[in-house]
PDB file of N, CA and C in Angstrom:
ATOM      1  N   MET A   1      52.615-100.784-193.062  1.00  0.00           N
ATOM      2  CA  MET A   1      54.017-100.560-193.239  1.00  0.00           C
ATOM      3  C   MET A   1      54.267 -99.057-193.406  1.00  0.00           C
ATOM      4  N   PRO A   2      55.233 -98.530-192.700  1.00  0.00           N
ATOM      5  CA  PRO A   2      55.496 -97.076-192.744  1.00  0.00           C
ATOM      6  C   PRO A   2      55.921 -96.550-194.136  1.00  0.00           C
ATOM      7  N   GLY A   3      56.446 -97.373-194.976  1.00  0.00           N
ATOM      8  CA  GLY A   3      56.844 -96.911-196.309  1.00  0.00           C
ATOM      9  C   GLY A   3      58.049 -97.667-196.809  1.00  0.00           C
ATOM     10  N   TYR A   4      58.500 -97.271-198.003  1.00  0.00           N
ATOM     11  CA  TYR A   4      59.583 -98.005-198.667  1.00  0.00           C
ATOM     12  C   TYR A   4      60.856 -97.162-198.782  1.00  0.00           C
ATOM     13  N   ALA A   5      60.901 -95.984-198.192  1.00  0.00           N
ATOM     14  CA  ALA A   5      62.053 -95.093-198.343  1.00  0.00           C
ATOM     15  C   ALA A   5      63.363 -95.728-197.906  1.00  0.00           C
ATOM     16  N   ASP A   6      63.316 -96.534-196.837  1.00  0.00           N
ATOM     17  CA  ASP A   6      64.525 -97.117-196.323  1.00  0.00           C
ATOM     18  C   ASP A   6      64.939 -98.448-196.971  1.00  0.00           C
ATOM     19  N   PHE A   7      64.206 -98.850-197.966  1.00  0.00           N
ATOM     20  CA  PHE A   7      64.418-100.196-198.564  1.00  0.00           C
ATOM     21  C   PHE A   7      64.858-100.113-200.027  1.00  0.00           C
ATOM     22  N   GLY A   8      65.519 -99.025-200.406  1.00  0.00           N
ATOM     23  CA  GLY A   8      65.956 -98.838-201.757  1.00  0.00           C
ATOM     24  C   GLY A   8      66.838 -99.941-202.304  1.00  0.00           C
ATOM     25  N   SER A   9      67.737-100.464-201.467  1.00  0.00           N
ATOM     26  CA  SER A   9      68.635-101.498-201.947  1.00  0.00           C
ATOM     27  C   SER A   9      67.876-102.824-202.232  1.00  0.00           C
ATOM     28  N   ILE A  10      66.848-103.096-201.477  1.00  0.00           N
ATOM     29  CA  ILE A  10      66.053-104.313-201.732  1.00  0.00           C
ATOM     30  C   ILE A  10      65.164-104.070-202.958  1.00  0.00           C
ATOM     31  N   LEU A  11      64.515-102.900-203.047  1.00  0.00           N
ATOM     32  CA  LEU A  11      63.673-102.600-204.197  1.00  0.00           C
ATOM     33  C   LEU A  11      64.465-102.597-205.503  1.00  0.00           C
ATOM     34  N   ALA A  12      65.716-102.238-205.489  1.00  0.00           N
ATOM     35  CA  ALA A  12      66.548-102.262-206.688  1.00  0.00           C
ATOM     36  C   ALA A  12      66.722-103.642-207.247  1.00  0.00           C
ATOM     37  N   ARG A  13      66.626-104.670-206.389  1.00  0.00           N
ATOM     38  CA  ARG A  13      66.767-106.040-206.807  1.00  0.00           C
ATOM     39  C   ARG A  13      65.474-106.764-207.060  1.00  0.00           C
ATOM     40  N   LEU A  14      64.325-106.090-206.773  1.00  0.00           N
ATOM     41  CA  LEU A  14      63.031-106.725-206.837  1.00  0.00           C
ATOM     42  C   LEU A  14      62.597-107.103-208.244  1.00  0.00           C
ATOM     43  N   GLY A  15      62.800-106.219-209.163  1.00  0.00           N
ATOM     44  CA  GLY A  15      62.301-106.416-210.540  1.00  0.00           C
ATOM     45  C   GLY A  15      61.354-105.290-210.879  1.00  0.00           C
ATOM     46  N   LYS A  16      60.541-105.527-211.906  1.00  0.00           N
ATOM     47  CA  LYS A  16      59.630-104.488-212.428  1.00  0.00           C
ATOM     48  C   LYS A  16      58.514-104.203-211.434  1.00  0.00           C
ATOM     49  N   HIS A  17      58.476-102.973-210.915  1.00  0.00           N
ATOM     50  CA  HIS A  17      57.478-102.538-209.938  1.00  0.00           C
ATOM     51  C   HIS A  17      57.387-101.032-209.937  1.00  0.00           C
ATOM     52  N   LYS A  18      56.370-100.539-209.228  1.00  0.00           N
ATOM     53  CA  LYS A  18      56.261 -99.107-208.954  1.00  0.00           C
ATOM     54  C   LYS A  18      56.033 -98.993-207.433  1.00  0.00           C
ATOM     55  N   ALA A  19      56.746 -98.035-206.836  1.00  0.00           N
ATOM     56  CA  ALA A  19      56.605 -97.858-205.389  1.00  0.00           C
ATOM     57  C   ALA A  19      56.205 -96.429-205.106  1.00  0.00           C
ATOM     58  N   GLY A  20      55.214 -96.286-204.223  1.00  0.00           N
ATOM     59  CA  GLY A  20      54.809 -95.019-203.725  1.00  0.00           C
ATOM     60  C   GLY A  20      55.287 -94.853-202.292  1.00  0.00           C
ATOM     61  N   LYS A  21      54.705 -93.969-201.553  1.00  0.00           N
ATOM     62  CA  LYS A  21      55.099 -93.788-200.174  1.00  0.00           C
ATOM     63  C   LYS A  21      54.925 -95.043-199.357  1.00  0.00           C
ATOM     64  N   SER A  22      53.771 -95.687-199.494  1.00  0.00           N
ATOM     65  CA  SER A  22      53.561 -96.934-198.782  1.00  0.00           C
ATOM     66  C   SER A  22      52.838 -97.960-199.628  1.00  0.00           C
ATOM     67  N   CYS A  23      52.887 -97.787-200.933  1.00  0.00           N
ATOM     68  CA  CYS A  23      52.255 -98.756-201.858  1.00  0.00           C
ATOM     69  C   CYS A  23      53.290 -99.357-202.769  1.00  0.00           C
ATOM     70  N   LEU A  24      53.123-100.608-203.046  1.00  0.00           N
ATOM     71  CA  LEU A  24      53.993-101.343-203.955  1.00  0.00           C
ATOM     72  C   LEU A  24      53.115-101.958-205.032  1.00  0.00           C
ATOM     73  N   THR A  25      53.311-101.601-206.281  1.00  0.00           N
ATOM     74  CA  THR A  25      52.471-102.096-207.366  1.00  0.00           C
ATOM     75  C   THR A  25      53.318-103.043-208.216  1.00  0.00           C
ATOM     76  N   ILE A  26      52.769-104.290-208.360  1.00  0.00           N
ATOM     77  CA  ILE A  26      53.407-105.315-209.191  1.00  0.00           C
ATOM     78  C   ILE A  26      52.322-105.808-210.149  1.00  0.00           C
ATOM     79  N   ASN A  27      52.621-105.762-211.444  1.00  0.00           N
ATOM     80  CA  ASN A  27      51.611-106.210-212.423  1.00  0.00           C
ATOM     81  C   ASN A  27      51.457-107.711-212.422  1.00  0.00           C
ATOM     82  N   THR A  28      52.542-108.422-212.525  1.00  0.00           N
ATOM     83  CA  THR A  28      52.481-109.896-212.496  1.00  0.00           C
ATOM     84  C   THR A  28      53.655-110.421-211.653  1.00  0.00           C
ATOM     85  N   LEU A  29      53.444-111.529-210.992  1.00  0.00           N
ATOM     86  CA  LEU A  29      54.490-112.080-210.159  1.00  0.00           C
ATOM     87  C   LEU A  29      55.729-112.505-210.950  1.00  0.00           C
ATOM     88  N   SER A  30      55.525-112.789-212.236  1.00  0.00           N
ATOM     89  CA  SER A  30      56.694-113.172-213.049  1.00  0.00           C
ATOM     90  C   SER A  30      57.625-111.973-213.331  1.00  0.00           C
ATOM     91  N   ASP A  31      57.168-110.735-213.028  1.00  0.00           N
ATOM     92  CA  ASP A  31      57.984-109.564-213.206  1.00  0.00           C
ATOM     93  C   ASP A  31      58.995-109.348-212.094  1.00  0.00           C
ATOM     94  N   ILE A  32      58.812-110.062-210.970  1.00  0.00           N
ATOM     95  CA  ILE A  32      59.656-109.833-209.819  1.00  0.00           C
ATOM     96  C   ILE A  32      60.320-111.101-209.319  1.00  0.00           C
ATOM     97  N   ASP A  33      61.301-110.901-208.454  1.00  0.00           N
ATOM     98  CA  ASP A  33      62.002-111.985-207.760  1.00  0.00           C
ATOM     99  C   ASP A  33      61.225-112.250-206.472  1.00  0.00           C
ATOM    100  N   ILE A  34      60.597-113.417-206.343  1.00  0.00           N
ATOM    101  CA  ILE A  34      59.763-113.739-205.191  1.00  0.00           C
ATOM    102  C   ILE A  34      60.602-113.769-203.917  1.00  0.00           C
ATOM    103  N   ASP A  35      61.842-114.255-203.992  1.00  0.00           N
ATOM    104  CA  ASP A  35      62.705-114.287-202.813  1.00  0.00           C
ATOM    105  C   ASP A  35      63.016-112.892-202.309  1.00  0.00           C
ATOM    106  N   VAL A  36      63.204-111.945-203.225  1.00  0.00           N
ATOM    107  CA  VAL A  36      63.445-110.535-202.858  1.00  0.00           C
ATOM    108  C   VAL A  36      62.190-109.941-202.236  1.00  0.00           C
ATOM    109  N   LEU A  37      61.014-110.285-202.770  1.00  0.00           N
ATOM    110  CA  LEU A  37      59.757-109.822-202.187  1.00  0.00           C
ATOM    111  C   LEU A  37      59.623-110.311-200.748  1.00  0.00           C
ATOM    112  N   ALA A  38      59.968-111.575-200.496  1.00  0.00           N
ATOM    113  CA  ALA A  38      59.925-112.118-199.142  1.00  0.00           C
ATOM    114  C   ALA A  38      60.893-111.371-198.247  1.00  0.00           C
ATOM    115  N   GLU A  39      62.076-111.057-198.758  1.00  0.00           N
ATOM    116  CA  GLU A  39      63.050-110.251-197.994  1.00  0.00           C
ATOM    117  C   GLU A  39      62.529-108.872-197.686  1.00  0.00           C
ATOM    118  N   LEU A  40      61.851-108.246-198.620  1.00  0.00           N
ATOM    119  CA  LEU A  40      61.240-106.921-198.431  1.00  0.00           C
ATOM    120  C   LEU A  40      60.138-106.961-197.358  1.00  0.00           C
ATOM    121  N   ILE A  41      59.329-107.955-197.414  1.00  0.00           N
ATOM    122  CA  ILE A  41      58.260-108.110-196.400  1.00  0.00           C
ATOM    123  C   ILE A  41      58.877-108.303-194.991  1.00  0.00           C
ATOM    124  N   SER A  42      59.876-109.144-194.920  1.00  0.00           N
ATOM    125  CA  SER A  42      60.537-109.394-193.644  1.00  0.00           C
ATOM    126  C   SER A  42      61.198-108.113-193.105  1.00  0.00           C
ATOM    127  N   ALA A  43      61.889-107.417-193.962  1.00  0.00           N
ATOM    128  CA  ALA A  43      62.529-106.151-193.536  1.00  0.00           C
ATOM    129  C   ALA A  43      61.500-105.118-193.097  1.00  0.00           C
ATOM    130  N   GLY A  44      60.374-105.072-193.803  1.00  0.00           N
ATOM    131  CA  GLY A  44      59.302-104.147-193.451  1.00  0.00           C
ATOM    132  C   GLY A  44      58.710-104.459-192.091  1.00  0.00           C
ATOM    133  N   LEU A  45      58.478-105.762-191.832  1.00  0.00           N
ATOM    134  CA  LEU A  45      57.930-106.166-190.553  1.00  0.00           C
ATOM    135  C   LEU A  45      58.937-105.892-189.381  1.00  0.00           C
ATOM    136  N   LYS A  46      60.206-106.091-189.654  1.00  0.00           N
ATOM    137  CA  LYS A  46      61.213-105.787-188.625  1.00  0.00           C
ATOM    138  C   LYS A  46      61.205-104.299-188.337  1.00  0.00           C
ATOM    139  N   ASP A  47      61.126-103.488-189.401  1.00  0.00           N
ATOM    140  CA  ASP A  47      61.059-102.003-189.196  1.00  0.00           C
ATOM    141  C   ASP A  47      59.811-101.602-188.437  1.00  0.00           C
ATOM    142  N   LEU A  48      58.677-102.203-188.832  1.00  0.00           N
ATOM    143  CA  LEU A  48      57.427-101.899-188.157  1.00  0.00           C
ATOM    144  C   LEU A  48      57.448-102.282-186.688  1.00  0.00           C
ATOM    145  N   ASN A  49      58.109-103.401-186.403  1.00  0.00           N
ATOM    146  CA  ASN A  49      58.209-103.901-185.040  1.00  0.00           C
ATOM    147  C   ASN A  49      58.979-102.960-184.126  1.00  0.00           C
ATOM    148  N   THR A  50      59.843-102.123-184.705  1.00  0.00           N
ATOM    149  CA  THR A  50      60.556-101.133-183.877  1.00  0.00           C
ATOM    150  C   THR A  50      59.620-100.019-183.444  1.00  0.00           C
ATOM    151  N   ARG A  51      58.516 -99.842-184.166  1.00  0.00           N
ATOM    152  CA  ARG A  51      57.565 -98.805-183.837  1.00  0.00           C
ATOM    153  C   ARG A  51      56.338 -99.317-183.037  1.00  0.00           C
ATOM    154  N   TRP A  52      55.839-100.470-183.459  1.00  0.00           N
ATOM    155  CA  TRP A  52      54.712-101.118-182.845  1.00  0.00           C
ATOM    156  C   TRP A  52      54.982-102.608-182.810  1.00  0.00           C
ATOM    157  N   PRO A  53      54.634-103.293-181.741  1.00  0.00           N
ATOM    158  CA  PRO A  53      54.846-104.759-181.657  1.00  0.00           C
ATOM    159  C   PRO A  53      54.095-105.482-182.794  1.00  0.00           C
ATOM    160  N   VAL A  54      54.795-106.413-183.424  1.00  0.00           N
ATOM    161  CA  VAL A  54      54.214-107.208-184.501  1.00  0.00           C
ATOM    162  C   VAL A  54      54.248-108.671-184.037  1.00  0.00           C
ATOM    163  N   SER A  55      53.113-109.370-184.207  1.00  0.00           N
ATOM    164  CA  SER A  55      53.112-110.811-183.914  1.00  0.00           C
ATOM    165  C   SER A  55      52.390-111.506-185.040  1.00  0.00           C
ATOM    166  N   PRO A  56      52.879-112.770-185.356  1.00  0.00           N
ATOM    167  CA  PRO A  56      52.215-113.493-186.428  1.00  0.00           C
ATOM    168  C   PRO A  56      50.736-113.700-186.119  1.00  0.00           C
ATOM    169  N   GLY A  57      49.914-113.678-187.167  1.00  0.00           N
ATOM    170  CA  GLY A  57      48.492-113.845-186.952  1.00  0.00           C
ATOM    171  C   GLY A  57      47.906-115.047-187.524  1.00  0.00           C
TER     172      GLY A  57
END
């Protein structure tokens, strides 16, 4: 994933986390909203797909 800079609005709803350039640190899953995490992953894959083709594995 190229990074989290473009996903501030999603990260704001995620819950307790730390984000670096391309790292996301979550201590426990109960600290975050799992649905928002799924949204973040999906948005990241869509962004990545604009740079390099992504296919399910």
